[in-house]
Amino acid sequence: MDNIQIDTISGYISLYGMKVVAALAIFFIGKWVAKRLVGFVKKLMLKGNIDPTLVGFAGNIMFALAMTVIVIAALSQLGVETTSLAAILAAAGLAIGLALQGSLSNLAAGVMIILFRPFKNGDYIEAGGTSGVVEEISIFTTMMKTPDNKQVIVPNAQITDGNIINYSAKPTRRIDLVIGVSYSDDLKKVKKSLEKILEKEDRVLKDPEYTIAVAELGDSSVNFVVRPWVKSEEYWPTRFALIETIKTTFDKEGISIPFPQRDVHVIDNAAVVTKKKAA
């Protein structure tokens, strides 16, 4: 091998060797800086009481974007044409975005739920066409448990696209009962009986004060509204107990709970025809 070939090889080694070293330096140093930067941002987000799920997801996205920029910079140092590569990545990103349009809408909805917290784990809500206790809130879906112990997984976009009713958001709830009595019953007696029932029920709150009033003169009954306030977690047990107590108390005190009645008049067509012929 003559001196010219040796010099040529040495020149290539010197030229491309330095480029390879520079590209490797860009990659490893850039990766180290990206990790430290993402870790710092995640610490700031956690100090700001942002949900850990969202912090982890945002951190992964930031690290992936940073590594994409670092790889492109390293390839550019090696002499690779990165303009076309960036265009390919942009086109691929657009195609993936269109293919995952539904998933991306669920992702955006999940971020909104985690940021604004319309509900949390353990809350009983009605949203996305179902109701139940929230067990888990993830980026794409929300997992709920129905009262009959079924697990329902609802896409987050369905939840944010409609109304969200959070029954656990407030510490107290009002029970709304409509109790019908006969027109022949003494309304004062009925009202006093209902007041005694609510006073004896320990779960009924004193503040706010309950309401007992005649609300409607119905077709077959005089309708009272009975509206006591209870703690949210005691809503259903108290409601069921009050309905049973009202029925048994009314039976003891001779207060009737009427039910719809209808008088049916039967016309004997044969008799009508006979009378017409006789006439």
C-alpha atoms as a PDB file:
ATOM      1  CA  MET A   1       0.000   0.000   0.000  1.00  0.00           C
ATOM      2  CA  ASP A   2       1.598   3.270  -1.129  1.00  0.00           C
ATOM      3  CA  ASN A   3       1.726   6.503   0.736  1.00  0.00           C
ATOM      4  CA  ILE A   4      -1.116   8.049  -1.302  1.00  0.00           C
ATOM      5  CA  GLN A   5      -3.581   5.313  -0.287  1.00  0.00           C
ATOM      6  CA  ILE A   6      -2.511   5.551   3.344  1.00  0.00           C
ATOM      7  CA  ASP A   7      -2.994   9.309   3.287  1.00  0.00           C
ATOM      8  CA  THR A   8      -6.432   8.907   1.664  1.00  0.00           C
ATOM      9  CA  ILE A   9      -7.573   6.375   4.298  1.00  0.00           C
ATOM     10  CA  SER A  10      -6.193   8.521   7.057  1.00  0.00           C
ATOM     11  CA  GLY A  11      -8.077  11.490   5.613  1.00  0.00           C
ATOM     12  CA  TYR A  12     -11.364   9.564   5.548  1.00  0.00           C
ATOM     13  CA  ILE A  13     -10.810   8.314   9.088  1.00  0.00           C
ATOM     14  CA  SER A  14      -9.996  11.803  10.288  1.00  0.00           C
ATOM     15  CA  LEU A  15     -12.996  13.323   8.496  1.00  0.00           C
ATOM     16  CA  TYR A  16     -15.695  10.752   9.291  1.00  0.00           C
ATOM     17  CA  GLY A  17     -14.210   9.691  12.593  1.00  0.00           C
ATOM     18  CA  MET A  18     -14.661  13.170  13.973  1.00  0.00           C
ATOM     19  CA  LYS A  19     -18.226  13.270  12.609  1.00  0.00           C
ATOM     20  CA  VAL A  20     -19.045   9.937  14.253  1.00  0.00           C
ATOM     21  CA  VAL A  21     -17.543  11.107  17.549  1.00  0.00           C
ATOM     22  CA  ALA A  22     -19.501  14.377  17.308  1.00  0.00           C
ATOM     23  CA  ALA A  23     -22.730  12.519  16.473  1.00  0.00           C
ATOM     24  CA  LEU A  24     -22.258  10.146  19.405  1.00  0.00           C
ATOM     25  CA  ALA A  25     -21.487  13.087  21.680  1.00  0.00           C
ATOM     26  CA  ILE A  26     -24.666  14.863  20.541  1.00  0.00           C
ATOM     27  CA  PHE A  27     -26.731  11.717  21.145  1.00  0.00           C
ATOM     28  CA  PHE A  28     -25.442  10.762  24.598  1.00  0.00           C
ATOM     29  CA  ILE A  29     -25.038  14.263  25.965  1.00  0.00           C
ATOM     30  CA  GLY A  30     -28.408  15.268  24.533  1.00  0.00           C
ATOM     31  CA  LYS A  31     -30.038  12.205  26.083  1.00  0.00           C
ATOM     32  CA  TRP A  32     -28.494  13.019  29.468  1.00  0.00           C
ATOM     33  CA  VAL A  33     -29.648  16.638  29.276  1.00  0.00           C
ATOM     34  CA  ALA A  34     -33.162  15.555  28.155  1.00  0.00           C
ATOM     35  CA  LYS A  35     -33.513  13.182  31.125  1.00  0.00           C
ATOM     36  CA  ARG A  36     -32.406  15.850  33.590  1.00  0.00           C
ATOM     37  CA  LEU A  37     -34.646  18.490  32.035  1.00  0.00           C
ATOM     38  CA  VAL A  38     -37.701  16.234  31.951  1.00  0.00           C
ATOM     39  CA  GLY A  39     -37.057  15.144  35.542  1.00  0.00           C
ATOM     40  CA  PHE A  40     -36.874  18.797  36.629  1.00  0.00           C
ATOM     41  CA  VAL A  41     -40.147  19.656  34.863  1.00  0.00           C
ATOM     42  CA  LYS A  42     -41.878  16.625  36.411  1.00  0.00           C
ATOM     43  CA  LYS A  43     -40.765  17.710  39.894  1.00  0.00           C
ATOM     44  CA  LEU A  44     -42.202  21.173  39.280  1.00  0.00           C
ATOM     45  CA  MET A  45     -45.491  19.655  38.093  1.00  0.00           C
ATOM     46  CA  LEU A  46     -45.716  17.405  41.162  1.00  0.00           C
ATOM     47  CA  LYS A  47     -45.072  20.390  43.437  1.00  0.00           C
ATOM     48  CA  GLY A  48     -47.945  22.118  41.655  1.00  0.00           C
ATOM     49  CA  ASN A  49     -50.267  19.266  42.798  1.00  0.00           C
ATOM     50  CA  ILE A  50     -50.801  18.014  39.253  1.00  0.00           C
ATOM     51  CA  ASP A  51     -52.023  14.430  39.017  1.00  0.00           C
ATOM     52  CA  PRO A  52     -49.128  11.907  38.915  1.00  0.00           C
ATOM     53  CA  THR A  53     -50.744  10.121  35.951  1.00  0.00           C
ATOM     54  CA  LEU A  54     -50.681  13.297  33.899  1.00  0.00           C
ATOM     55  CA  VAL A  55     -47.151  14.116  35.088  1.00  0.00           C
ATOM     56  CA  GLY A  56     -45.856  10.729  33.949  1.00  0.00           C
ATOM     57  CA  PHE A  57     -47.627  10.965  30.600  1.00  0.00           C
ATOM     58  CA  ALA A  58     -46.417  14.521  29.952  1.00  0.00           C
ATOM     59  CA  GLY A  59     -42.883  13.511  30.924  1.00  0.00           C
ATOM     60  CA  ASN A  60     -42.892  10.632  28.433  1.00  0.00           C
ATOM     61  CA  ILE A  61     -44.156  12.908  25.654  1.00  0.00           C
ATOM     62  CA  MET A  62     -41.504  15.556  26.375  1.00  0.00           C
ATOM     63  CA  PHE A  63     -38.709  12.968  26.467  1.00  0.00           C
ATOM     64  CA  ALA A  64     -39.862  11.408  23.179  1.00  0.00           C
ATOM     65  CA  LEU A  65     -39.931  14.810  21.453  1.00  0.00           C
ATOM     66  CA  ALA A  66     -36.513  15.706  22.842  1.00  0.00           C
ATOM     67  CA  MET A  67     -35.006  12.411  21.661  1.00  0.00           C
ATOM     68  CA  THR A  68     -36.473  12.922  18.188  1.00  0.00           C
ATOM     69  CA  VAL A  69     -34.727  16.297  17.936  1.00  0.00           C
ATOM     70  CA  ILE A  70     -31.472  14.811  19.290  1.00  0.00           C
ATOM     71  CA  VAL A  71     -31.470  11.905  16.808  1.00  0.00           C
ATOM     72  CA  ILE A  72     -32.126  14.275  13.900  1.00  0.00           C
ATOM     73  CA  ALA A  73     -29.265  16.501  15.067  1.00  0.00           C
ATOM     74  CA  ALA A  74     -26.924  13.500  15.358  1.00  0.00           C
ATOM     75  CA  LEU A  75     -27.819  12.246  11.884  1.00  0.00           C
ATOM     76  CA  SER A  76     -27.310  15.731  10.478  1.00  0.00           C
ATOM     77  CA  GLN A  77     -23.811  15.748  11.983  1.00  0.00           C
ATOM     78  CA  LEU A  78     -23.079  12.546  10.051  1.00  0.00           C
ATOM     79  CA  GLY A  79     -24.099  14.224   6.818  1.00  0.00           C
ATOM     80  CA  VAL A  80     -27.506  12.584   6.480  1.00  0.00           C
ATOM     81  CA  GLU A  81     -30.103  14.771   4.769  1.00  0.00           C
ATOM     82  CA  THR A  82     -32.546  15.438   7.606  1.00  0.00           C
ATOM     83  CA  THR A  83     -34.970  17.670   5.697  1.00  0.00           C
ATOM     84  CA  SER A  84     -36.548  14.722   3.924  1.00  0.00           C
ATOM     85  CA  LEU A  85     -36.447  12.710   7.168  1.00  0.00           C
ATOM     86  CA  ALA A  86     -38.340  15.456   8.991  1.00  0.00           C
ATOM     87  CA  ALA A  87     -40.906  15.554   6.193  1.00  0.00           C
ATOM     88  CA  ILE A  88     -41.351  11.774   6.425  1.00  0.00           C
ATOM     89  CA  LEU A  89     -41.793  11.965  10.194  1.00  0.00           C
ATOM     90  CA  ALA A  90     -44.340  14.772   9.807  1.00  0.00           C
ATOM     91  CA  ALA A  91     -46.299  12.789   7.213  1.00  0.00           C
ATOM     92  CA  ALA A  92     -46.175   9.678   9.373  1.00  0.00           C
ATOM     93  CA  GLY A  93     -47.361  11.698  12.378  1.00  0.00           C
ATOM     94  CA  LEU A  94     -50.275  13.089  10.374  1.00  0.00           C
ATOM     95  CA  ALA A  95     -51.260   9.620   9.157  1.00  0.00           C
ATOM     96  CA  ILE A  96     -51.068   8.179  12.662  1.00  0.00           C
ATOM     97  CA  GLY A  97     -53.072  11.120  13.992  1.00  0.00           C
ATOM     98  CA  LEU A  98     -55.853  10.546  11.456  1.00  0.00           C
ATOM     99  CA  ALA A  99     -55.882   6.805  12.151  1.00  0.00           C
ATOM    100  CA  LEU A 100     -56.038   7.355  15.901  1.00  0.00           C
ATOM    101  CA  GLN A 101     -58.462  10.270  15.820  1.00  0.00           C
ATOM    102  CA  GLY A 102     -60.864   8.626  18.281  1.00  0.00           C
ATOM    103  CA  SER A 103     -58.056   7.670  20.642  1.00  0.00           C
ATOM    104  CA  LEU A 104     -56.616  11.178  20.505  1.00  0.00           C
ATOM    105  CA  SER A 105     -60.000  12.665  21.429  1.00  0.00           C
ATOM    106  CA  ASN A 106     -60.126  10.292  24.409  1.00  0.00           C
ATOM    107  CA  LEU A 107     -56.569  11.357  25.278  1.00  0.00           C
ATOM    108  CA  ALA A 108     -57.497  15.041  25.200  1.00  0.00           C
ATOM    109  CA  ALA A 109     -60.599  14.349  27.286  1.00  0.00           C
ATOM    110  CA  GLY A 110     -58.519  12.375  29.792  1.00  0.00           C
ATOM    111  CA  VAL A 111     -56.091  15.263  30.179  1.00  0.00           C
ATOM    112  CA  MET A 112     -59.034  17.638  30.775  1.00  0.00           C
ATOM    113  CA  ILE A 113     -60.542  15.317  33.405  1.00  0.00           C
ATOM    114  CA  ILE A 114     -57.228  14.970  35.231  1.00  0.00           C
ATOM    115  CA  LEU A 115     -56.540  18.717  35.101  1.00  0.00           C
ATOM    116  CA  PHE A 116     -59.965  20.070  36.109  1.00  0.00           C
ATOM    117  CA  ARG A 117     -61.044  17.186  38.383  1.00  0.00           C
ATOM    118  CA  PRO A 118     -64.857  17.140  37.910  1.00  0.00           C
ATOM    119  CA  PHE A 119     -64.730  13.910  39.913  1.00  0.00           C
ATOM    120  CA  LYS A 120     -62.216  11.698  41.693  1.00  0.00           C
ATOM    121  CA  ASN A 121     -61.770   8.061  42.653  1.00  0.00           C
ATOM    122  CA  GLY A 122     -64.540   6.942  44.991  1.00  0.00           C
ATOM    123  CA  ASP A 123     -67.136   9.446  43.735  1.00  0.00           C
ATOM    124  CA  TYR A 124     -70.533   8.206  42.582  1.00  0.00           C
ATOM    125  CA  ILE A 125     -71.215   9.853  39.224  1.00  0.00           C
ATOM    126  CA  GLU A 126     -73.544   9.702  36.253  1.00  0.00           C
ATOM    127  CA  ALA A 127     -71.719  10.293  32.974  1.00  0.00           C
ATOM    128  CA  GLY A 128     -71.164   8.764  29.556  1.00  0.00           C
ATOM    129  CA  GLY A 129     -74.521   6.971  29.597  1.00  0.00           C
ATOM    130  CA  THR A 130     -73.859   5.056  32.822  1.00  0.00           C
ATOM    131  CA  SER A 131     -73.590   5.616  36.559  1.00  0.00           C
ATOM    132  CA  GLY A 132     -71.397   4.125  39.255  1.00  0.00           C
ATOM    133  CA  VAL A 133     -68.495   4.594  41.622  1.00  0.00           C
ATOM    134  CA  VAL A 134     -65.281   5.815  39.961  1.00  0.00           C
ATOM    135  CA  GLU A 135     -62.528   3.250  40.479  1.00  0.00           C
ATOM    136  CA  GLU A 136     -59.793   4.476  38.139  1.00  0.00           C
ATOM    137  CA  ILE A 137     -59.153   7.496  35.915  1.00  0.00           C
ATOM    138  CA  SER A 138     -56.651   6.864  33.128  1.00  0.00           C
ATOM    139  CA  ILE A 139     -55.556   8.864  30.118  1.00  0.00           C
ATOM    140  CA  PHE A 140     -57.967   7.184  27.692  1.00  0.00           C
ATOM    141  CA  THR A 141     -60.764   5.696  29.819  1.00  0.00           C
ATOM    142  CA  THR A 142     -62.529   5.930  33.163  1.00  0.00           C
ATOM    143  CA  MET A 143     -63.398   2.745  35.038  1.00  0.00           C
ATOM    144  CA  MET A 144     -66.596   2.652  37.110  1.00  0.00           C
ATOM    145  CA  LYS A 145     -68.345   0.074  39.278  1.00  0.00           C
ATOM    146  CA  THR A 146     -72.140  -0.023  39.053  1.00  0.00           C
ATOM    147  CA  PRO A 147     -74.353  -0.548  42.138  1.00  0.00           C
ATOM    148  CA  ASP A 148     -74.890  -4.193  41.080  1.00  0.00           C
ATOM    149  CA  ASN A 149     -71.087  -4.699  41.006  1.00  0.00           C
ATOM    150  CA  LYS A 150     -70.486  -4.582  37.266  1.00  0.00           C
ATOM    151  CA  GLN A 151     -67.323  -2.993  35.926  1.00  0.00           C
ATOM    152  CA  VAL A 152     -67.898  -0.424  33.174  1.00  0.00           C
ATOM    153  CA  ILE A 153     -65.062   1.142  31.174  1.00  0.00           C
ATOM    154  CA  VAL A 154     -66.163   4.416  29.569  1.00  0.00           C
ATOM    155  CA  PRO A 155     -64.088   6.304  26.954  1.00  0.00           C
ATOM    156  CA  ASN A 156     -63.191   9.715  28.328  1.00  0.00           C
ATOM    157  CA  ALA A 157     -64.532  11.532  25.253  1.00  0.00           C
ATOM    158  CA  GLN A 158     -68.031  10.213  26.006  1.00  0.00           C
ATOM    159  CA  ILE A 159     -67.788  11.597  29.534  1.00  0.00           C
ATOM    160  CA  THR A 160     -66.678  15.119  28.584  1.00  0.00           C
ATOM    161  CA  ASP A 161     -69.096  15.355  25.635  1.00  0.00           C
ATOM    162  CA  GLY A 162     -72.144  15.250  27.953  1.00  0.00           C
ATOM    163  CA  ASN A 163     -73.315  16.288  31.383  1.00  0.00           C
ATOM    164  CA  ILE A 164     -71.465  14.969  34.428  1.00  0.00           C
ATOM    165  CA  ILE A 165     -73.541  14.505  37.580  1.00  0.00           C
ATOM    166  CA  ASN A 166     -71.382  14.021  40.664  1.00  0.00           C
ATOM    167  CA  TYR A 167     -73.528  12.778  43.542  1.00  0.00           C
ATOM    168  CA  SER A 168     -70.553  12.743  45.919  1.00  0.00           C
ATOM    169  CA  ALA A 169     -69.339  16.278  45.299  1.00  0.00           C
ATOM    170  CA  LYS A 170     -71.402  17.800  48.115  1.00  0.00           C
ATOM    171  CA  PRO A 171     -71.453  16.550  51.718  1.00  0.00           C
ATOM    172  CA  THR A 172     -75.271  16.609  51.961  1.00  0.00           C
ATOM    173  CA  ARG A 173     -78.186  15.625  49.728  1.00  0.00           C
ATOM    174  CA  ARG A 174     -81.934  16.201  49.872  1.00  0.00           C
ATOM    175  CA  ILE A 175     -84.382  13.304  49.730  1.00  0.00           C
ATOM    176  CA  ASP A 176     -87.462  14.162  47.671  1.00  0.00           C
ATOM    177  CA  LEU A 177     -90.522  12.057  48.522  1.00  0.00           C
ATOM    178  CA  VAL A 178     -94.108  12.505  47.313  1.00  0.00           C
ATOM    179  CA  ILE A 179     -96.636  10.948  49.695  1.00  0.00           C
ATOM    180  CA  GLY A 180    -100.286  10.771  48.670  1.00  0.00           C
ATOM    181  CA  VAL A 181    -103.140  10.559  51.206  1.00  0.00           C
ATOM    182  CA  SER A 182    -106.889  10.321  50.841  1.00  0.00           C
ATOM    183  CA  TYR A 183    -109.082  13.396  50.507  1.00  0.00           C
ATOM    184  CA  SER A 184    -110.961  12.221  53.592  1.00  0.00           C
ATOM    185  CA  ASP A 185    -107.844  12.241  55.815  1.00  0.00           C
ATOM    186  CA  ASP A 186    -107.105  15.070  58.254  1.00  0.00           C
ATOM    187  CA  LEU A 187    -104.232  17.011  56.659  1.00  0.00           C
ATOM    188  CA  LYS A 188    -103.012  18.378  60.003  1.00  0.00           C
ATOM    189  CA  LYS A 189    -102.840  14.857  61.398  1.00  0.00           C
ATOM    190  CA  VAL A 190    -100.920  13.686  58.326  1.00  0.00           C
ATOM    191  CA  LYS A 191     -98.438  16.551  58.634  1.00  0.00           C
ATOM    192  CA  LYS A 192     -97.828  15.926  62.339  1.00  0.00           C
ATOM    193  CA  SER A 193     -97.330  12.216  61.666  1.00  0.00           C
ATOM    194  CA  LEU A 194     -94.725  12.968  58.991  1.00  0.00           C
ATOM    195  CA  GLU A 195     -92.954  15.430  61.299  1.00  0.00           C
ATOM    196  CA  LYS A 196     -92.715  12.806  64.048  1.00  0.00           C
ATOM    197  CA  ILE A 197     -91.239  10.305  61.598  1.00  0.00           C
ATOM    198  CA  LEU A 198     -88.526  12.751  60.494  1.00  0.00           C
ATOM    199  CA  GLU A 199     -87.768  13.819  64.062  1.00  0.00           C
ATOM    200  CA  LYS A 200     -87.218  10.217  65.141  1.00  0.00           C
ATOM    201  CA  GLU A 201     -84.899   9.439  62.220  1.00  0.00           C
ATOM    202  CA  ASP A 202     -81.369  10.167  63.506  1.00  0.00           C
ATOM    203  CA  ARG A 203     -79.888  10.394  60.014  1.00  0.00           C
ATOM    204  CA  VAL A 204     -82.090  13.351  59.064  1.00  0.00           C
ATOM    205  CA  LEU A 205     -80.114  16.577  59.523  1.00  0.00           C
ATOM    206  CA  LYS A 206     -81.433  19.502  61.552  1.00  0.00           C
ATOM    207  CA  ASP A 207     -79.690  21.985  59.270  1.00  0.00           C
ATOM    208  CA  PRO A 208     -80.789  22.492  56.533  1.00  0.00           C
ATOM    209  CA  GLU A 209     -84.324  22.141  57.888  1.00  0.00           C
ATOM    210  CA  TYR A 210     -86.640  19.597  56.301  1.00  0.00           C
ATOM    211  CA  THR A 211     -89.783  20.556  54.348  1.00  0.00           C
ATOM    212  CA  ILE A 212     -93.262  19.027  54.638  1.00  0.00           C
ATOM    213  CA  ALA A 213     -95.997  20.684  52.567  1.00  0.00           C
ATOM    214  CA  VAL A 214     -99.108  20.012  50.502  1.00  0.00           C
ATOM    215  CA  ALA A 215     -97.873  20.163  46.924  1.00  0.00           C
ATOM    216  CA  GLU A 216    -100.790  19.026  44.776  1.00  0.00           C
ATOM    217  CA  LEU A 217    -104.445  18.075  44.770  1.00  0.00           C
ATOM    218  CA  GLY A 218    -104.161  15.042  42.543  1.00  0.00           C
ATOM    219  CA  ASP A 219    -106.820  13.012  40.732  1.00  0.00           C
ATOM    220  CA  SER A 220    -107.113  10.488  43.532  1.00  0.00           C
ATOM    221  CA  SER A 221    -104.995  11.857  46.388  1.00  0.00           C
ATOM    222  CA  VAL A 222    -103.684  14.892  48.233  1.00  0.00           C
ATOM    223  CA  ASN A 223     -99.942  14.842  47.624  1.00  0.00           C
ATOM    224  CA  PHE A 224     -97.435  15.914  50.276  1.00  0.00           C
ATOM    225  CA  VAL A 225     -93.788  16.648  49.521  1.00  0.00           C
ATOM    226  CA  VAL A 226     -91.395  15.371  52.184  1.00  0.00           C
ATOM    227  CA  ARG A 227     -87.870  16.753  51.765  1.00  0.00           C
ATOM    228  CA  PRO A 228     -85.343  15.962  54.507  1.00  0.00           C
ATOM    229  CA  TRP A 229     -81.581  16.548  54.205  1.00  0.00           C
ATOM    230  CA  VAL A 230     -79.066  13.796  54.932  1.00  0.00           C
ATOM    231  CA  LYS A 231     -75.363  13.085  54.494  1.00  0.00           C
ATOM    232  CA  SER A 232     -74.577  12.041  50.934  1.00  0.00           C
ATOM    233  CA  GLU A 233     -73.322   8.588  51.933  1.00  0.00           C
ATOM    234  CA  GLU A 234     -76.547   7.938  53.890  1.00  0.00           C
ATOM    235  CA  TYR A 235     -78.949   8.969  51.118  1.00  0.00           C
ATOM    236  CA  TRP A 236     -80.237   5.581  49.980  1.00  0.00           C
ATOM    237  CA  PRO A 237     -80.414   3.828  53.391  1.00  0.00           C
ATOM    238  CA  THR A 238     -82.329   6.778  54.837  1.00  0.00           C
ATOM    239  CA  ARG A 239     -84.663   7.013  51.846  1.00  0.00           C
ATOM    240  CA  PHE A 240     -85.552   3.331  52.014  1.00  0.00           C
ATOM    241  CA  ALA A 241     -86.066   3.480  55.786  1.00  0.00           C
ATOM    242  CA  LEU A 242     -88.316   6.552  55.593  1.00  0.00           C
ATOM    243  CA  ILE A 243     -90.580   5.038  52.944  1.00  0.00           C
ATOM    244  CA  GLU A 244     -91.056   1.882  55.018  1.00  0.00           C
ATOM    245  CA  THR A 245     -91.620   3.851  58.252  1.00  0.00           C
ATOM    246  CA  ILE A 246     -94.193   6.131  56.606  1.00  0.00           C
ATOM    247  CA  LYS A 247     -96.198   3.149  55.361  1.00  0.00           C
ATOM    248  CA  THR A 248     -96.195   1.297  58.691  1.00  0.00           C
ATOM    249  CA  THR A 249     -96.985   4.483  60.646  1.00  0.00           C
ATOM    250  CA  PHE A 250     -99.886   5.401  58.372  1.00  0.00           C
ATOM    251  CA  ASP A 251    -101.293   1.886  58.775  1.00  0.00           C
ATOM    252  CA  LYS A 252    -101.197   2.222  62.576  1.00  0.00           C
ATOM    253  CA  GLU A 253    -102.762   5.695  62.576  1.00  0.00           C
ATOM    254  CA  GLY A 254    -105.466   4.890  60.046  1.00  0.00           C
ATOM    255  CA  ILE A 255    -104.144   7.211  57.351  1.00  0.00           C
ATOM    256  CA  SER A 256    -104.864   5.803  53.930  1.00  0.00           C
ATOM    257  CA  ILE A 257    -102.569   5.894  50.933  1.00  0.00           C
ATOM    258  CA  PRO A 258    -104.952   5.795  47.960  1.00  0.00           C
ATOM    259  CA  PHE A 259    -104.196   4.291  44.615  1.00  0.00           C
ATOM    260  CA  PRO A 260    -105.655   5.260  41.228  1.00  0.00           C
ATOM    261  CA  GLN A 261    -109.180   3.937  40.720  1.00  0.00           C
ATOM    262  CA  ARG A 262    -111.420   3.858  37.688  1.00  0.00           C
ATOM    263  CA  ASP A 263    -115.149   3.258  37.416  1.00  0.00           C
ATOM    264  CA  VAL A 264    -116.062   1.014  34.481  1.00  0.00           C
ATOM    265  CA  HIS A 265    -119.636   1.143  33.120  1.00  0.00           C
ATOM    266  CA  VAL A 266    -120.686  -1.881  31.038  1.00  0.00           C
ATOM    267  CA  ILE A 267    -123.519  -1.365  28.569  1.00  0.00           C
ATOM    268  CA  ASP A 268    -125.475  -4.418  27.501  1.00  0.00           C
ATOM    269  CA  ASN A 269    -125.751  -3.922  23.748  1.00  0.00           C
ATOM    270  CA  ALA A 270    -128.309  -6.718  23.407  1.00  0.00           C
ATOM    271  CA  ALA A 271    -130.646  -5.010  25.864  1.00  0.00           C
ATOM    272  CA  VAL A 272    -130.285  -1.692  24.030  1.00  0.00           C
ATOM    273  CA  VAL A 273    -131.173  -3.336  20.692  1.00  0.00           C
ATOM    274  CA  THR A 274    -134.224  -5.042  22.246  1.00  0.00           C
ATOM    275  CA  LYS A 275    -135.488  -1.729  23.626  1.00  0.00           C
ATOM    276  CA  LYS A 276    -135.097  -0.071  20.214  1.00  0.00           C
ATOM    277  CA  LYS A 277    -137.108  -2.848  18.514  1.00  0.00           C
ATOM    278  CA  ALA A 278    -139.864  -2.619  21.128  1.00  0.00           C
ATOM    279  CA  ALA A 279    -140.083   1.129  20.547  1.00  0.00           C
END
